[in-house]
Amino acid sequence: MRLFPTLNRFLADESGATAIEYGLIGALVAVGSIAAMTAFGGGLSNLFNAVATKAGGAMDNSGG
């Protein structure tokens, strides 16, 4: 019966744990980023539009 030594070796192997942890951290960062962009997206869009409008007006008034 070689099943038990093989099973014990498999259960004791931790070589893939770090990769899984990094994957979970990456997924958490992605979910947090999406949530933040969804929550603050409208305000950021308005801010960027205001900056673009002012920059466009400055370019028009520069004579160039």
PDB file of N, CA and C in Angstrom:
ATOM      1  N   MET A   1       0.833  -1.190   0.000  1.00  0.00           N
ATOM      2  CA  MET A   1       0.000   0.000   0.000  1.00  0.00           C
ATOM      3  C   MET A   1       0.869   1.242   0.000  1.00  0.00           C
ATOM      4  N   ARG A   2       1.073   1.802  -1.162  1.00  0.00           N
ATOM      5  CA  ARG A   2       1.890   3.007  -1.271  1.00  0.00           C
ATOM      6  C   ARG A   2       1.038   4.267  -1.242  1.00  0.00           C
ATOM      7  N   LEU A   3      -0.247   4.131  -1.044  1.00  0.00           N
ATOM      8  CA  LEU A   3      -1.144   5.282  -1.083  1.00  0.00           C
ATOM      9  C   LEU A   3      -0.872   6.243   0.071  1.00  0.00           C
ATOM     10  N   PHE A   4      -0.706   5.719   1.270  1.00  0.00           N
ATOM     11  CA  PHE A   4      -0.553   6.589   2.426  1.00  0.00           C
ATOM     12  C   PHE A   4       0.728   7.413   2.404  1.00  0.00           C
ATOM     13  N   PRO A   5       1.890   6.867   2.073  1.00  0.00           N
ATOM     14  CA  PRO A   5       3.076   7.729   1.976  1.00  0.00           C
ATOM     15  C   PRO A   5       2.927   8.792   0.891  1.00  0.00           C
ATOM     16  N   THR A   6       2.321   8.432  -0.218  1.00  0.00           N
ATOM     17  CA  THR A   6       2.111   9.408  -1.294  1.00  0.00           C
ATOM     18  C   THR A   6       1.141  10.491  -0.851  1.00  0.00           C
ATOM     19  N   LEU A   7       0.077  10.097  -0.176  1.00  0.00           N
ATOM     20  CA  LEU A   7      -0.907  11.059   0.313  1.00  0.00           C
ATOM     21  C   LEU A   7      -0.293  11.975   1.364  1.00  0.00           C
ATOM     22  N   ASN A   8       0.498  11.422   2.266  1.00  0.00           N
ATOM     23  CA  ASN A   8       1.160  12.238   3.289  1.00  0.00           C
ATOM     24  C   ASN A   8       2.124  13.237   2.660  1.00  0.00           C
ATOM     25  N   ARG A   9       2.862  12.805   1.647  1.00  0.00           N
ATOM     26  CA  ARG A   9       3.785  13.704   0.955  1.00  0.00           C
ATOM     27  C   ARG A   9       3.014  14.833   0.263  1.00  0.00           C
ATOM     28  N   PHE A  10       1.896  14.483  -0.346  1.00  0.00           N
ATOM     29  CA  PHE A  10       1.079  15.489  -1.025  1.00  0.00           C
ATOM     30  C   PHE A  10       0.524  16.506  -0.035  1.00  0.00           C
ATOM     31  N   LEU A  11       0.034  16.046   1.097  1.00  0.00           N
ATOM     32  CA  LEU A  11      -0.532  16.953   2.093  1.00  0.00           C
ATOM     33  C   LEU A  11       0.529  17.821   2.758  1.00  0.00           C
ATOM     34  N   ALA A  12       1.755  17.345   2.845  1.00  0.00           N
ATOM     35  CA  ALA A  12       2.834  18.111   3.467  1.00  0.00           C
ATOM     36  C   ALA A  12       3.490  19.090   2.503  1.00  0.00           C
ATOM     37  N   ASP A  13       3.237  18.953   1.220  1.00  0.00           N
ATOM     38  CA  ASP A  13       3.871  19.813   0.211  1.00  0.00           C
ATOM     39  C   ASP A  13       3.256  21.211   0.259  1.00  0.00           C
ATOM     40  N   GLU A  14       4.079  22.232   0.469  1.00  0.00           N
ATOM     41  CA  GLU A  14       3.613  23.617   0.536  1.00  0.00           C
ATOM     42  C   GLU A  14       4.218  24.473  -0.570  1.00  0.00           C
ATOM     43  N   SER A  15       4.709  23.862  -1.618  1.00  0.00           N
ATOM     44  CA  SER A  15       5.417  24.624  -2.650  1.00  0.00           C
ATOM     45  C   SER A  15       4.498  25.551  -3.434  1.00  0.00           C
ATOM     46  N   GLY A  16       3.230  25.231  -3.565  1.00  0.00           N
ATOM     47  CA  GLY A  16       2.322  26.088  -4.321  1.00  0.00           C
ATOM     48  C   GLY A  16       1.578  27.097  -3.470  1.00  0.00           C
ATOM     49  N   ALA A  17       1.779  27.060  -2.155  1.00  0.00           N
ATOM     50  CA  ALA A  17       1.028  27.934  -1.260  1.00  0.00           C
ATOM     51  C   ALA A  17       1.344  29.407  -1.505  1.00  0.00           C
ATOM     52  N   THR A  18       2.590  29.740  -1.754  1.00  0.00           N
ATOM     53  CA  THR A  18       2.966  31.138  -1.965  1.00  0.00           C
ATOM     54  C   THR A  18       2.323  31.691  -3.224  1.00  0.00           C
ATOM     55  N   ALA A  19       2.307  30.921  -4.280  1.00  0.00           N
ATOM     56  CA  ALA A  19       1.690  31.380  -5.525  1.00  0.00           C
ATOM     57  C   ALA A  19       0.198  31.608  -5.332  1.00  0.00           C
ATOM     58  N   ILE A  20      -0.444  30.733  -4.585  1.00  0.00           N
ATOM     59  CA  ILE A  20      -1.875  30.896  -4.321  1.00  0.00           C
ATOM     60  C   ILE A  20      -2.116  32.142  -3.481  1.00  0.00           C
ATOM     61  N   GLU A  21      -1.262  32.386  -2.496  1.00  0.00           N
ATOM     62  CA  GLU A  21      -1.408  33.578  -1.661  1.00  0.00           C
ATOM     63  C   GLU A  21      -1.249  34.848  -2.489  1.00  0.00           C
ATOM     64  N   TYR A  22      -0.254  34.884  -3.368  1.00  0.00           N
ATOM     65  CA  TYR A  22      -0.081  36.053  -4.227  1.00  0.00           C
ATOM     66  C   TYR A  22      -1.278  36.226  -5.152  1.00  0.00           C
ATOM     67  N   GLY A  23      -1.827  35.143  -5.638  1.00  0.00           N
ATOM     68  CA  GLY A  23      -3.017  35.217  -6.481  1.00  0.00           C
ATOM     69  C   GLY A  23      -4.205  35.787  -5.730  1.00  0.00           C
ATOM     70  N   LEU A  24      -4.384  35.364  -4.485  1.00  0.00           N
ATOM     71  CA  LEU A  24      -5.482  35.888  -3.674  1.00  0.00           C
ATOM     72  C   LEU A  24      -5.288  37.371  -3.364  1.00  0.00           C
ATOM     73  N   ILE A  25      -4.061  37.776  -3.078  1.00  0.00           N
ATOM     74  CA  ILE A  25      -3.784  39.192  -2.820  1.00  0.00           C
ATOM     75  C   ILE A  25      -4.063  40.014  -4.074  1.00  0.00           C
ATOM     76  N   GLY A  26      -3.635  39.520  -5.230  1.00  0.00           N
ATOM     77  CA  GLY A  26      -3.905  40.219  -6.490  1.00  0.00           C
ATOM     78  C   GLY A  26      -5.392  40.349  -6.756  1.00  0.00           C
ATOM     79  N   ALA A  27      -6.143  39.294  -6.482  1.00  0.00           N
ATOM     80  CA  ALA A  27      -7.595  39.346  -6.677  1.00  0.00           C
ATOM     81  C   ALA A  27      -8.233  40.351  -5.729  1.00  0.00           C
ATOM     82  N   LEU A  28      -7.762  40.408  -4.495  1.00  0.00           N
ATOM     83  CA  LEU A  28      -8.294  41.362  -3.522  1.00  0.00           C
ATOM     84  C   LEU A  28      -8.003  42.797  -3.947  1.00  0.00           C
ATOM     85  N   VAL A  29      -6.807  43.053  -4.443  1.00  0.00           N
ATOM     86  CA  VAL A  29      -6.459  44.392  -4.933  1.00  0.00           C
ATOM     87  C   VAL A  29      -7.336  44.760  -6.123  1.00  0.00           C
ATOM     88  N   ALA A  30      -7.574  43.821  -7.019  1.00  0.00           N
ATOM     89  CA  ALA A  30      -8.411  44.091  -8.188  1.00  0.00           C
ATOM     90  C   ALA A  30      -9.841  44.414  -7.775  1.00  0.00           C
ATOM     91  N   VAL A  31     -10.400  43.649  -6.849  1.00  0.00           N
ATOM     92  CA  VAL A  31     -11.767  43.897  -6.391  1.00  0.00           C
ATOM     93  C   VAL A  31     -11.849  45.249  -5.687  1.00  0.00           C
ATOM     94  N   GLY A  32     -10.859  45.568  -4.865  1.00  0.00           N
ATOM     95  CA  GLY A  32     -10.842  46.868  -4.193  1.00  0.00           C
ATOM     96  C   GLY A  32     -10.725  48.021  -5.168  1.00  0.00           C
ATOM     97  N   SER A  33      -9.906  47.858  -6.199  1.00  0.00           N
ATOM     98  CA  SER A  33      -9.754  48.908  -7.210  1.00  0.00           C
ATOM     99  C   SER A  33     -11.048  49.121  -7.975  1.00  0.00           C
ATOM    100  N   ILE A  34     -11.696  48.038  -8.355  1.00  0.00           N
ATOM    101  CA  ILE A  34     -12.966  48.153  -9.081  1.00  0.00           C
ATOM    102  C   ILE A  34     -14.023  48.813  -8.209  1.00  0.00           C
ATOM    103  N   ALA A  35     -14.075  48.441  -6.937  1.00  0.00           N
ATOM    104  CA  ALA A  35     -15.047  49.047  -6.028  1.00  0.00           C
ATOM    105  C   ALA A  35     -14.783  50.541  -5.861  1.00  0.00           C
ATOM    106  N   ALA A  36     -13.526  50.926  -5.722  1.00  0.00           N
ATOM    107  CA  ALA A  36     -13.193  52.344  -5.565  1.00  0.00           C
ATOM    108  C   ALA A  36     -13.511  53.129  -6.826  1.00  0.00           C
ATOM    109  N   MET A  37     -13.197  52.560  -7.983  1.00  0.00           N
ATOM    110  CA  MET A  37     -13.487  53.259  -9.235  1.00  0.00           C
ATOM    111  C   MET A  37     -14.982  53.399  -9.462  1.00  0.00           C
ATOM    112  N   THR A  38     -15.740  52.402  -9.047  1.00  0.00           N
ATOM    113  CA  THR A  38     -17.191  52.481  -9.177  1.00  0.00           C
ATOM    114  C   THR A  38     -17.751  53.547  -8.240  1.00  0.00           C
ATOM    115  N   ALA A  39     -17.250  53.589  -7.010  1.00  0.00           N
ATOM    116  CA  ALA A  39     -17.762  54.534  -6.022  1.00  0.00           C
ATOM    117  C   ALA A  39     -17.385  55.974  -6.352  1.00  0.00           C
ATOM    118  N   PHE A  40     -16.156  56.185  -6.801  1.00  0.00           N
ATOM    119  CA  PHE A  40     -15.672  57.535  -7.035  1.00  0.00           C
ATOM    120  C   PHE A  40     -15.606  57.900  -8.508  1.00  0.00           C
ATOM    121  N   GLY A  41     -16.096  57.053  -9.375  1.00  0.00           N
ATOM    122  CA  GLY A  41     -15.968  57.259 -10.817  1.00  0.00           C
ATOM    123  C   GLY A  41     -16.628  58.527 -11.312  1.00  0.00           C
ATOM    124  N   GLY A  42     -17.822  58.825 -10.824  1.00  0.00           N
ATOM    125  CA  GLY A  42     -18.525  60.021 -11.274  1.00  0.00           C
ATOM    126  C   GLY A  42     -17.790  61.293 -10.893  1.00  0.00           C
ATOM    127  N   GLY A  43     -17.307  61.358  -9.670  1.00  0.00           N
ATOM    128  CA  GLY A  43     -16.567  62.533  -9.222  1.00  0.00           C
ATOM    129  C   GLY A  43     -15.268  62.715  -9.981  1.00  0.00           C
ATOM    130  N   LEU A  44     -14.570  61.629 -10.227  1.00  0.00           N
ATOM    131  CA  LEU A  44     -13.321  61.721 -10.986  1.00  0.00           C
ATOM    132  C   LEU A  44     -13.581  62.142 -12.422  1.00  0.00           C
ATOM    133  N   SER A  45     -14.649  61.636 -12.997  1.00  0.00           N
ATOM    134  CA  SER A  45     -14.992  62.013 -14.368  1.00  0.00           C
ATOM    135  C   SER A  45     -15.278  63.506 -14.446  1.00  0.00           C
ATOM    136  N   ASN A  46     -16.026  64.021 -13.485  1.00  0.00           N
ATOM    137  CA  ASN A  46     -16.318  65.458 -13.462  1.00  0.00           C
ATOM    138  C   ASN A  46     -15.048  66.276 -13.283  1.00  0.00           C
ATOM    139  N   LEU A  47     -14.152  65.824 -12.424  1.00  0.00           N
ATOM    140  CA  LEU A  47     -12.896  66.532 -12.196  1.00  0.00           C
ATOM    141  C   LEU A  47     -12.056  66.575 -13.464  1.00  0.00           C
ATOM    142  N   PHE A  48     -11.912  65.432 -14.138  1.00  0.00           N
ATOM    143  CA  PHE A  48     -11.116  65.393 -15.366  1.00  0.00           C
ATOM    144  C   PHE A  48     -11.747  66.240 -16.468  1.00  0.00           C
ATOM    145  N   ASN A  49     -13.068  66.243 -16.546  1.00  0.00           N
ATOM    146  CA  ASN A  49     -13.734  67.083 -17.544  1.00  0.00           C
ATOM    147  C   ASN A  49     -13.502  68.565 -17.262  1.00  0.00           C
ATOM    148  N   ALA A  50     -13.535  68.959 -15.993  1.00  0.00           N
ATOM    149  CA  ALA A  50     -13.285  70.353 -15.640  1.00  0.00           C
ATOM    150  C   ALA A  50     -11.851  70.750 -15.982  1.00  0.00           C
ATOM    151  N   VAL A  51     -10.904  69.880 -15.686  1.00  0.00           N
ATOM    152  CA  VAL A  51      -9.504  70.167 -16.007  1.00  0.00           C
ATOM    153  C   VAL A  51      -9.317  70.260 -17.518  1.00  0.00           C
ATOM    154  N   ALA A  52      -9.938  69.361 -18.265  1.00  0.00           N
ATOM    155  CA  ALA A  52      -9.816  69.381 -19.720  1.00  0.00           C
ATOM    156  C   ALA A  52     -10.425  70.654 -20.301  1.00  0.00           C
ATOM    157  N   THR A  53     -11.543  71.086 -19.743  1.00  0.00           N
ATOM    158  CA  THR A  53     -12.180  72.314 -20.223  1.00  0.00           C
ATOM    159  C   THR A  53     -11.287  73.522 -19.962  1.00  0.00           C
ATOM    160  N   LYS A  54     -10.729  73.599 -18.760  1.00  0.00           N
ATOM    161  CA  LYS A  54      -9.843  74.729 -18.437  1.00  0.00           C
ATOM    162  C   LYS A  54      -8.571  74.689 -19.276  1.00  0.00           C
ATOM    163  N   ALA A  55      -8.023  73.502 -19.498  1.00  0.00           N
ATOM    164  CA  ALA A  55      -6.820  73.386 -20.319  1.00  0.00           C
ATOM    165  C   ALA A  55      -7.125  73.775 -21.760  1.00  0.00           C
ATOM    166  N   GLY A  56      -8.279  73.371 -22.261  1.00  0.00           N
ATOM    167  CA  GLY A  56      -8.673  73.749 -23.618  1.00  0.00           C
ATOM    168  C   GLY A  56      -8.864  75.248 -23.735  1.00  0.00           C
ATOM    169  N   GLY A  57      -9.443  75.872 -22.714  1.00  0.00           N
ATOM    170  CA  GLY A  57      -9.610  77.319 -22.722  1.00  0.00           C
ATOM    171  C   GLY A  57      -8.279  78.039 -22.667  1.00  0.00           C
ATOM    172  N   ALA A  58      -7.337  77.511 -21.907  1.00  0.00           N
ATOM    173  CA  ALA A  58      -6.014  78.121 -21.827  1.00  0.00           C
ATOM    174  C   ALA A  58      -5.294  78.015 -23.165  1.00  0.00           C
ATOM    175  N   MET A  59      -5.475  76.912 -23.863  1.00  0.00           N
ATOM    176  CA  MET A  59      -4.846  76.747 -25.178  1.00  0.00           C
ATOM    177  C   MET A  59      -5.458  77.711 -26.196  1.00  0.00           C
ATOM    178  N   ASP A  60      -6.776  77.932 -26.094  1.00  0.00           N
ATOM    179  CA  ASP A  60      -7.437  78.853 -27.022  1.00  0.00           C
ATOM    180  C   ASP A  60      -6.987  80.290 -26.791  1.00  0.00           C
ATOM    181  N   ASN A  61      -6.739  80.643 -25.538  1.00  0.00           N
ATOM    182  CA  ASN A  61      -6.353  82.012 -25.198  1.00  0.00           C
ATOM    183  C   ASN A  61      -4.862  82.268 -25.375  1.00  0.00           C
ATOM    184  N   SER A  62      -4.085  81.244 -25.671  1.00  0.00           N
ATOM    185  CA  SER A  62      -2.641  81.428 -25.758  1.00  0.00           C
ATOM    186  C   SER A  62      -2.211  82.011 -27.100  1.00  0.00           C
ATOM    187  N   GLY A  63      -3.091  82.004 -28.053  1.00  0.00           N
ATOM    188  CA  GLY A  63      -2.755  82.556 -29.359  1.00  0.00           C
ATOM    189  C   GLY A  63      -1.992  81.587 -30.227  1.00  0.00           C
ATOM    190  N   GLY A  64      -1.863  80.342 -29.819  1.00  0.00           N
ATOM    191  CA  GLY A  64      -1.071  79.375 -30.563  1.00  0.00           C
ATOM    192  C   GLY A  64      -1.899  78.476 -31.329  1.00  0.00           C
TER     193      GLY A  64
END
